[in-house]
């Protein structure tokens, strides 16, 4: 398995983790029983997975060359920026679960879009 294959496989981890974290947070916004400390650990994992994906993509590009599909890097770096923006709005009183729920689904969408551009 080459580094490019790891980048492709890790993309699925990014999609699934952010989708699940987003759904969990949205559920926690509605139902207090879903509000656990584990939600924030899982959300952190999902967002760190985006950083890992961007680093993997950068290493693949620098080591193997080639041109990435048009807009692929835009979606990747938009996801990185979105993580920072979501984190910066964490002080929203009483709506933190909603913020991270919608944010997680948005991040999942960016990852899916980056994947569909590549045709994988």
N, C-alpha and C. Protein backbone atom coordinates (compact mmCIF):
# COMPACT_ATOMS: atom_id res chain seq x y z
N UNK A 1 0.86 -1.18 0.00
CA UNK A 1 0.00 0.00 0.00
C UNK A 1 0.90 1.23 0.00
N UNK A 2 0.74 2.05 -1.01
CA UNK A 2 1.54 3.26 -1.13
C UNK A 2 0.93 4.41 -0.36
N UNK A 3 1.66 5.48 -0.30
CA UNK A 3 1.21 6.66 0.44
C UNK A 3 -0.07 7.25 -0.16
N UNK A 4 -0.17 7.20 -1.47
CA UNK A 4 -1.39 7.69 -2.13
C UNK A 4 -2.59 6.84 -1.71
N UNK A 5 -2.38 5.54 -1.59
CA UNK A 5 -3.46 4.64 -1.15
C UNK A 5 -3.88 4.94 0.28
N UNK A 6 -2.90 5.27 1.13
CA UNK A 6 -3.21 5.65 2.51
C UNK A 6 -4.05 6.93 2.53
N UNK A 7 -3.68 7.88 1.67
CA UNK A 7 -4.44 9.14 1.56
C UNK A 7 -5.89 8.86 1.14
N UNK A 8 -6.06 7.97 0.19
CA UNK A 8 -7.41 7.63 -0.28
C UNK A 8 -8.19 6.91 0.81
N UNK A 9 -7.57 5.96 1.49
CA UNK A 9 -8.26 5.21 2.55
C UNK A 9 -8.59 6.11 3.73
N UNK A 10 -7.68 7.00 4.09
CA UNK A 10 -7.90 7.89 5.23
C UNK A 10 -9.07 8.85 4.94
N UNK A 11 -9.31 9.14 3.67
CA UNK A 11 -10.43 10.02 3.31
C UNK A 11 -11.75 9.44 3.82
N UNK A 12 -11.89 8.13 3.77
CA UNK A 12 -13.11 7.50 4.27
C UNK A 12 -13.23 7.65 5.79
N UNK A 13 -12.11 7.60 6.48
CA UNK A 13 -12.13 7.83 7.93
C UNK A 13 -12.59 9.25 8.22
N UNK A 14 -12.12 10.21 7.43
CA UNK A 14 -12.53 11.61 7.60
C UNK A 14 -14.03 11.75 7.37
N UNK A 15 -14.53 11.15 6.31
CA UNK A 15 -15.96 11.26 5.98
C UNK A 15 -16.82 10.63 7.08
N UNK A 16 -16.53 9.39 7.42
CA UNK A 16 -17.36 8.66 8.39
C UNK A 16 -17.26 9.30 9.77
N UNK A 17 -16.06 9.63 10.21
CA UNK A 17 -15.89 10.19 11.56
C UNK A 17 -16.60 11.53 11.69
N UNK A 18 -16.45 12.41 10.70
CA UNK A 18 -17.11 13.71 10.80
C UNK A 18 -18.62 13.60 10.66
N UNK A 19 -19.08 12.66 9.84
CA UNK A 19 -20.52 12.44 9.73
C UNK A 19 -21.12 11.93 11.03
N UNK A 20 -20.45 10.95 11.64
CA UNK A 20 -20.94 10.40 12.92
C UNK A 20 -20.86 11.44 14.04
N UNK A 21 -19.77 12.19 14.07
CA UNK A 21 -19.63 13.23 15.10
C UNK A 21 -20.71 14.29 14.93
N UNK A 22 -20.97 14.67 13.69
CA UNK A 22 -22.02 15.66 13.44
C UNK A 22 -23.39 15.16 13.85
N UNK A 23 -23.71 13.94 13.49
CA UNK A 23 -25.02 13.37 13.86
C UNK A 23 -25.15 13.22 15.37
N UNK A 24 -24.08 12.79 16.02
CA UNK A 24 -24.09 12.64 17.47
C UNK A 24 -24.31 13.99 18.15
N UNK A 25 -23.61 15.01 17.68
CA UNK A 25 -23.75 16.33 18.27
C UNK A 25 -25.15 16.90 18.03
N UNK A 26 -25.70 16.67 16.85
CA UNK A 26 -27.07 17.12 16.60
C UNK A 26 -28.07 16.40 17.51
N UNK A 27 -27.84 15.10 17.69
CA UNK A 27 -28.68 14.35 18.62
C UNK A 27 -28.55 14.88 20.03
N UNK A 28 -27.32 15.23 20.42
CA UNK A 28 -27.08 15.76 21.77
C UNK A 28 -27.71 17.14 21.95
N UNK A 29 -27.85 17.88 20.86
CA UNK A 29 -28.54 19.17 20.95
C UNK A 29 -30.01 18.96 21.29
N UNK A 30 -30.56 17.87 20.82
CA UNK A 30 -31.98 17.58 21.03
C UNK A 30 -32.24 16.78 22.30
N UNK A 31 -31.37 15.77 22.55
CA UNK A 31 -31.58 14.87 23.68
C UNK A 31 -30.40 14.91 24.63
N UNK A 32 -30.66 15.32 25.83
CA UNK A 32 -29.62 15.47 26.84
C UNK A 32 -28.91 14.17 27.16
N UNK A 33 -29.56 13.05 26.98
CA UNK A 33 -28.95 11.75 27.28
C UNK A 33 -27.74 11.46 26.40
N UNK A 34 -27.64 12.12 25.25
CA UNK A 34 -26.50 11.89 24.35
C UNK A 34 -25.31 12.80 24.65
N UNK A 35 -25.44 13.64 25.64
CA UNK A 35 -24.37 14.58 25.98
C UNK A 35 -23.36 13.91 26.91
N UNK A 36 -22.29 13.43 26.31
CA UNK A 36 -21.23 12.75 27.04
C UNK A 36 -19.89 13.40 26.70
N UNK A 37 -18.96 13.26 27.59
CA UNK A 37 -17.60 13.75 27.33
C UNK A 37 -17.01 13.06 26.10
N UNK A 38 -17.40 11.81 25.86
CA UNK A 38 -16.90 11.06 24.72
C UNK A 38 -17.23 11.74 23.39
N UNK A 39 -18.34 12.47 23.34
CA UNK A 39 -18.70 13.21 22.13
C UNK A 39 -17.58 14.17 21.74
N UNK A 40 -17.03 14.87 22.72
CA UNK A 40 -16.00 15.87 22.42
C UNK A 40 -14.68 15.20 22.05
N UNK A 41 -14.38 14.05 22.65
CA UNK A 41 -13.18 13.32 22.26
C UNK A 41 -13.32 12.80 20.83
N UNK A 42 -14.49 12.29 20.50
CA UNK A 42 -14.71 11.77 19.15
C UNK A 42 -14.70 12.91 18.13
N UNK A 43 -15.29 14.04 18.48
CA UNK A 43 -15.27 15.20 17.59
C UNK A 43 -13.84 15.67 17.36
N UNK A 44 -13.04 15.69 18.41
CA UNK A 44 -11.63 16.08 18.27
C UNK A 44 -10.90 15.10 17.34
N UNK A 45 -11.16 13.81 17.50
CA UNK A 45 -10.54 12.83 16.61
C UNK A 45 -10.94 13.10 15.16
N UNK A 46 -12.22 13.35 14.92
CA UNK A 46 -12.71 13.58 13.56
C UNK A 46 -12.05 14.81 12.94
N UNK A 47 -11.87 15.85 13.74
CA UNK A 47 -11.27 17.07 13.21
C UNK A 47 -9.76 16.93 13.03
N UNK A 48 -9.11 16.20 13.92
CA UNK A 48 -7.68 15.94 13.75
C UNK A 48 -7.46 15.05 12.52
N UNK A 49 -8.41 14.19 12.22
CA UNK A 49 -8.31 13.35 11.02
C UNK A 49 -8.22 14.20 9.76
N UNK A 50 -8.85 15.35 9.77
CA UNK A 50 -8.77 16.27 8.62
C UNK A 50 -7.35 16.81 8.49
N UNK A 51 -6.75 17.16 9.62
CA UNK A 51 -5.37 17.65 9.59
C UNK A 51 -4.43 16.56 9.07
N UNK A 52 -4.62 15.33 9.56
CA UNK A 52 -3.80 14.21 9.10
C UNK A 52 -3.98 14.03 7.59
N UNK A 53 -5.20 14.13 7.11
CA UNK A 53 -5.48 13.97 5.68
C UNK A 53 -4.78 15.04 4.86
N UNK A 54 -4.80 16.27 5.33
CA UNK A 54 -4.14 17.36 4.61
C UNK A 54 -2.62 17.14 4.58
N UNK A 55 -2.06 16.69 5.69
CA UNK A 55 -0.62 16.42 5.73
C UNK A 55 -0.28 15.27 4.78
N UNK A 56 -1.08 14.20 4.82
CA UNK A 56 -0.85 13.08 3.89
C UNK A 56 -0.90 13.55 2.44
N UNK A 57 -1.90 14.35 2.12
CA UNK A 57 -2.02 14.86 0.75
C UNK A 57 -0.85 15.72 0.34
N UNK A 58 -0.37 16.53 1.25
CA UNK A 58 0.79 17.38 0.95
C UNK A 58 2.03 16.54 0.73
N UNK A 59 2.22 15.53 1.56
CA UNK A 59 3.39 14.65 1.41
C UNK A 59 3.30 13.89 0.09
N UNK A 60 2.12 13.38 -0.25
CA UNK A 60 1.94 12.67 -1.52
C UNK A 60 2.28 13.60 -2.68
N UNK A 61 1.77 14.80 -2.66
CA UNK A 61 2.00 15.74 -3.74
C UNK A 61 3.48 16.09 -3.87
N UNK A 62 4.14 16.31 -2.75
CA UNK A 62 5.56 16.67 -2.78
C UNK A 62 6.47 15.51 -3.14
N UNK A 63 6.09 14.31 -2.76
CA UNK A 63 6.98 13.16 -3.01
C UNK A 63 6.72 12.50 -4.36
N UNK A 64 5.47 12.49 -4.79
CA UNK A 64 5.15 11.76 -6.02
C UNK A 64 4.84 12.68 -7.19
N UNK A 65 4.70 13.97 -6.91
CA UNK A 65 4.45 14.92 -7.99
C UNK A 65 3.07 14.73 -8.59
N UNK A 66 2.93 15.23 -9.79
CA UNK A 66 1.64 15.15 -10.47
C UNK A 66 0.77 16.33 -10.10
N UNK A 67 -0.30 16.46 -10.81
CA UNK A 67 -1.25 17.54 -10.55
C UNK A 67 -2.51 16.96 -9.92
N UNK A 68 -2.91 17.49 -8.77
CA UNK A 68 -4.17 17.02 -8.18
C UNK A 68 -5.34 17.51 -9.04
N UNK A 69 -6.47 16.84 -8.96
CA UNK A 69 -7.63 17.30 -9.71
C UNK A 69 -7.99 18.74 -9.32
N UNK A 70 -8.54 19.45 -10.28
CA UNK A 70 -8.92 20.84 -10.03
C UNK A 70 -9.87 20.93 -8.83
N UNK A 71 -9.60 21.84 -7.96
CA UNK A 71 -10.37 22.15 -6.75
C UNK A 71 -10.19 21.13 -5.62
N UNK A 72 -9.47 20.04 -5.84
CA UNK A 72 -9.28 19.05 -4.77
C UNK A 72 -8.61 19.67 -3.55
N UNK A 73 -7.54 20.40 -3.78
CA UNK A 73 -6.83 21.02 -2.66
C UNK A 73 -7.66 22.14 -2.04
N UNK A 74 -8.47 22.81 -2.85
CA UNK A 74 -9.34 23.86 -2.31
C UNK A 74 -10.28 23.28 -1.25
N UNK A 75 -10.91 22.16 -1.55
CA UNK A 75 -11.82 21.55 -0.58
C UNK A 75 -11.08 21.06 0.67
N UNK A 76 -9.88 20.54 0.48
CA UNK A 76 -9.09 20.09 1.62
C UNK A 76 -8.72 21.24 2.55
N UNK A 77 -8.24 22.32 1.97
CA UNK A 77 -7.84 23.45 2.80
C UNK A 77 -9.05 24.22 3.33
N UNK A 78 -10.17 24.17 2.61
CA UNK A 78 -11.41 24.76 3.13
C UNK A 78 -11.86 24.01 4.38
N UNK A 79 -11.67 22.69 4.37
CA UNK A 79 -12.01 21.89 5.56
C UNK A 79 -11.13 22.27 6.74
N UNK A 80 -9.84 22.47 6.48
CA UNK A 80 -8.95 22.91 7.55
C UNK A 80 -9.39 24.26 8.11
N UNK A 81 -9.72 25.17 7.22
CA UNK A 81 -10.17 26.49 7.67
C UNK A 81 -11.48 26.38 8.43
N UNK A 82 -12.38 25.52 7.97
CA UNK A 82 -13.67 25.36 8.64
C UNK A 82 -13.50 24.83 10.06
N UNK A 83 -12.55 23.93 10.27
CA UNK A 83 -12.29 23.44 11.63
C UNK A 83 -11.93 24.62 12.53
N UNK A 84 -11.07 25.48 12.05
CA UNK A 84 -10.68 26.66 12.83
C UNK A 84 -11.85 27.60 13.09
N UNK A 85 -12.67 27.79 12.09
CA UNK A 85 -13.83 28.68 12.24
C UNK A 85 -14.83 28.10 13.23
N UNK A 86 -15.11 26.81 13.11
CA UNK A 86 -16.03 26.15 14.04
C UNK A 86 -15.52 26.29 15.47
N UNK A 87 -14.23 26.03 15.65
CA UNK A 87 -13.64 26.15 16.98
C UNK A 87 -13.73 27.57 17.51
N UNK A 88 -13.55 28.55 16.65
CA UNK A 88 -13.58 29.94 17.10
C UNK A 88 -14.98 30.39 17.54
N UNK A 89 -16.01 29.71 17.08
CA UNK A 89 -17.38 30.04 17.47
C UNK A 89 -17.90 29.22 18.64
N UNK A 90 -17.01 28.49 19.31
CA UNK A 90 -17.43 27.59 20.39
C UNK A 90 -18.04 28.31 21.57
N UNK A 91 -17.89 29.61 21.67
CA UNK A 91 -18.42 30.37 22.81
C UNK A 91 -19.91 30.68 22.68
N UNK A 92 -20.55 30.19 21.63
CA UNK A 92 -21.98 30.42 21.47
C UNK A 92 -22.73 29.79 22.63
N UNK A 93 -23.32 30.61 23.44
CA UNK A 93 -23.98 30.13 24.66
C UNK A 93 -25.17 29.23 24.33
N UNK A 94 -25.12 28.02 24.85
CA UNK A 94 -26.25 27.12 24.75
C UNK A 94 -26.43 26.42 23.42
N UNK A 95 -25.65 26.71 22.42
CA UNK A 95 -25.85 26.09 21.10
C UNK A 95 -24.61 25.36 20.60
N UNK A 96 -23.76 24.94 21.51
CA UNK A 96 -22.50 24.30 21.15
C UNK A 96 -22.73 22.98 20.39
N UNK A 97 -23.69 22.20 20.83
CA UNK A 97 -23.97 20.93 20.16
C UNK A 97 -24.49 21.16 18.74
N UNK A 98 -25.33 22.16 18.58
CA UNK A 98 -25.84 22.48 17.25
C UNK A 98 -24.71 22.94 16.33
N UNK A 99 -23.84 23.78 16.84
CA UNK A 99 -22.69 24.26 16.07
C UNK A 99 -21.83 23.10 15.60
N UNK A 100 -21.45 22.21 16.50
CA UNK A 100 -20.59 21.10 16.13
C UNK A 100 -21.34 20.04 15.32
N UNK A 101 -22.63 19.94 15.50
CA UNK A 101 -23.41 19.01 14.68
C UNK A 101 -23.45 19.44 13.23
N UNK A 102 -23.83 20.67 13.00
CA UNK A 102 -23.88 21.18 11.63
C UNK A 102 -22.47 21.29 11.05
N UNK A 103 -21.52 21.67 11.90
CA UNK A 103 -20.14 21.77 11.44
C UNK A 103 -19.58 20.43 11.01
N UNK A 104 -19.86 19.37 11.78
CA UNK A 104 -19.39 18.04 11.43
C UNK A 104 -19.96 17.56 10.10
N UNK A 105 -21.24 17.84 9.88
CA UNK A 105 -21.85 17.44 8.61
C UNK A 105 -21.30 18.26 7.44
N UNK A 106 -21.01 19.54 7.69
CA UNK A 106 -20.39 20.37 6.67
C UNK A 106 -19.01 19.85 6.31
N UNK A 107 -18.22 19.48 7.32
CA UNK A 107 -16.89 18.93 7.07
C UNK A 107 -16.97 17.61 6.31
N UNK A 108 -17.95 16.80 6.65
CA UNK A 108 -18.15 15.55 5.92
C UNK A 108 -18.45 15.86 4.45
N UNK A 109 -19.28 16.84 4.20
CA UNK A 109 -19.62 17.23 2.83
C UNK A 109 -18.42 17.72 2.05
N UNK A 110 -17.57 18.51 2.69
CA UNK A 110 -16.35 18.96 2.01
C UNK A 110 -15.46 17.78 1.65
N UNK A 111 -15.35 16.82 2.55
CA UNK A 111 -14.52 15.64 2.28
C UNK A 111 -15.10 14.81 1.14
N UNK A 112 -16.40 14.64 1.14
CA UNK A 112 -17.05 13.89 0.05
C UNK A 112 -16.83 14.60 -1.28
N UNK A 113 -16.96 15.90 -1.27
CA UNK A 113 -16.77 16.66 -2.51
C UNK A 113 -15.33 16.54 -3.00
N UNK A 114 -14.37 16.60 -2.10
CA UNK A 114 -12.97 16.44 -2.49
C UNK A 114 -12.73 15.04 -3.09
N UNK A 115 -13.42 14.04 -2.55
CA UNK A 115 -13.27 12.68 -3.06
C UNK A 115 -13.93 12.50 -4.43
N UNK A 116 -15.08 13.11 -4.63
CA UNK A 116 -15.79 12.92 -5.90
C UNK A 116 -15.08 13.60 -7.06
N UNK A 117 -14.32 14.64 -6.76
CA UNK A 117 -13.56 15.31 -7.81
C UNK A 117 -12.49 14.37 -8.35
N UNK A 118 -11.93 13.54 -7.49
CA UNK A 118 -10.85 12.65 -7.90
C UNK A 118 -11.37 11.44 -8.65
N UNK A 119 -12.65 11.18 -8.56
CA UNK A 119 -13.22 10.02 -9.23
C UNK A 119 -13.04 8.72 -8.46
N UNK A 120 -12.74 8.81 -7.16
CA UNK A 120 -12.53 7.61 -6.34
C UNK A 120 -13.67 7.42 -5.41
